[in-house]
Protein backbone atom coordinates (compact mmCIF):
# COMPACT_ATOMS: atom_id res chain seq x y z
CA MET A 1 73.43 69.43 -59.41
CA ILE A 2 74.59 67.29 -62.14
CA LYS A 3 74.69 63.47 -61.53
CA TRP A 4 77.78 61.77 -63.23
CA ARG A 5 77.98 58.11 -64.30
CA GLY A 6 80.88 55.84 -63.39
CA SER A 7 84.25 56.42 -65.21
CA ALA A 8 83.29 60.27 -65.96
CA THR A 9 83.28 61.00 -62.17
CA LYS A 10 86.85 59.61 -61.68
CA ALA A 11 87.95 61.24 -64.66
CA SER A 12 87.03 64.58 -63.58
CA LEU A 13 88.17 64.01 -60.10
CA ARG A 14 91.63 63.01 -61.38
CA SER A 15 92.14 65.79 -63.38
CA ARG A 16 90.68 68.07 -60.75
CA ARG A 17 93.28 66.61 -58.42
CA SER A 18 96.19 67.26 -61.05
CA ARG A 19 95.16 70.68 -61.66
CA GLY A 20 94.41 71.37 -57.98
CA SER A 21 91.23 72.15 -56.82
CA CYS A 22 92.28 75.72 -56.07
CA ASP A 23 93.10 76.59 -59.52
CA THR A 24 89.59 75.36 -60.48
CA ILE A 25 87.83 77.48 -58.12
CA TYR A 26 89.89 80.36 -59.00
CA PHE A 27 89.32 79.79 -62.78
CA TYR A 28 85.63 79.51 -62.30
CA ILE A 29 85.44 82.91 -60.29
CA GLY A 30 87.66 84.68 -62.83
CA VAL A 31 85.25 83.46 -65.85
CA ARG A 32 82.39 84.34 -63.66
CA ILE A 33 83.68 88.00 -62.81
CA PHE A 34 84.89 88.30 -66.68
CA HIS A 35 81.07 87.82 -67.92
CA LEU A 36 79.75 89.96 -65.14
CA GLN A 37 82.12 92.69 -66.41
CA LYS A 38 81.19 92.52 -69.51
CA LYS A 39 77.52 92.49 -68.76
CA CYS A 40 78.12 95.61 -66.54
CA LEU A 41 80.14 97.42 -69.20
CA SER A 42 77.45 96.89 -71.99
CA LEU A 43 74.53 98.01 -69.45
CA LEU A 44 76.70 101.05 -68.35
CA SER A 45 77.30 102.18 -72.03
CA SER A 46 73.69 101.71 -73.23
CA LEU A 47 72.75 104.07 -69.93
CA LEU A 48 75.27 106.52 -70.87
CA GLY A 49 74.54 106.64 -74.49
CA ASN A 50 70.61 107.13 -73.64
CA LEU A 51 71.80 109.84 -70.90
CA SER A 52 73.67 111.83 -73.45
CA ARG A 53 71.01 111.43 -76.22
CA ASN A 54 68.49 112.92 -73.94
CA SER A 55 70.76 115.94 -72.85
CA ILE A 56 71.44 116.75 -76.37
CA VAL A 57 67.66 116.85 -76.91
CA HIS A 58 66.84 118.85 -73.91
């Protein structure tokens, strides 16, 4: 965990309260899912590319 110092904590808490903790959580989850999707898609495309190359050779 990151330890905040003094006013930084208050500022972050204030901004979180004004935005709503749910919004912050949903935003974080959305970003995580987006990054995971990009990773999965790149993995899938590379796997499919390898498969198609192998099938052409055989």
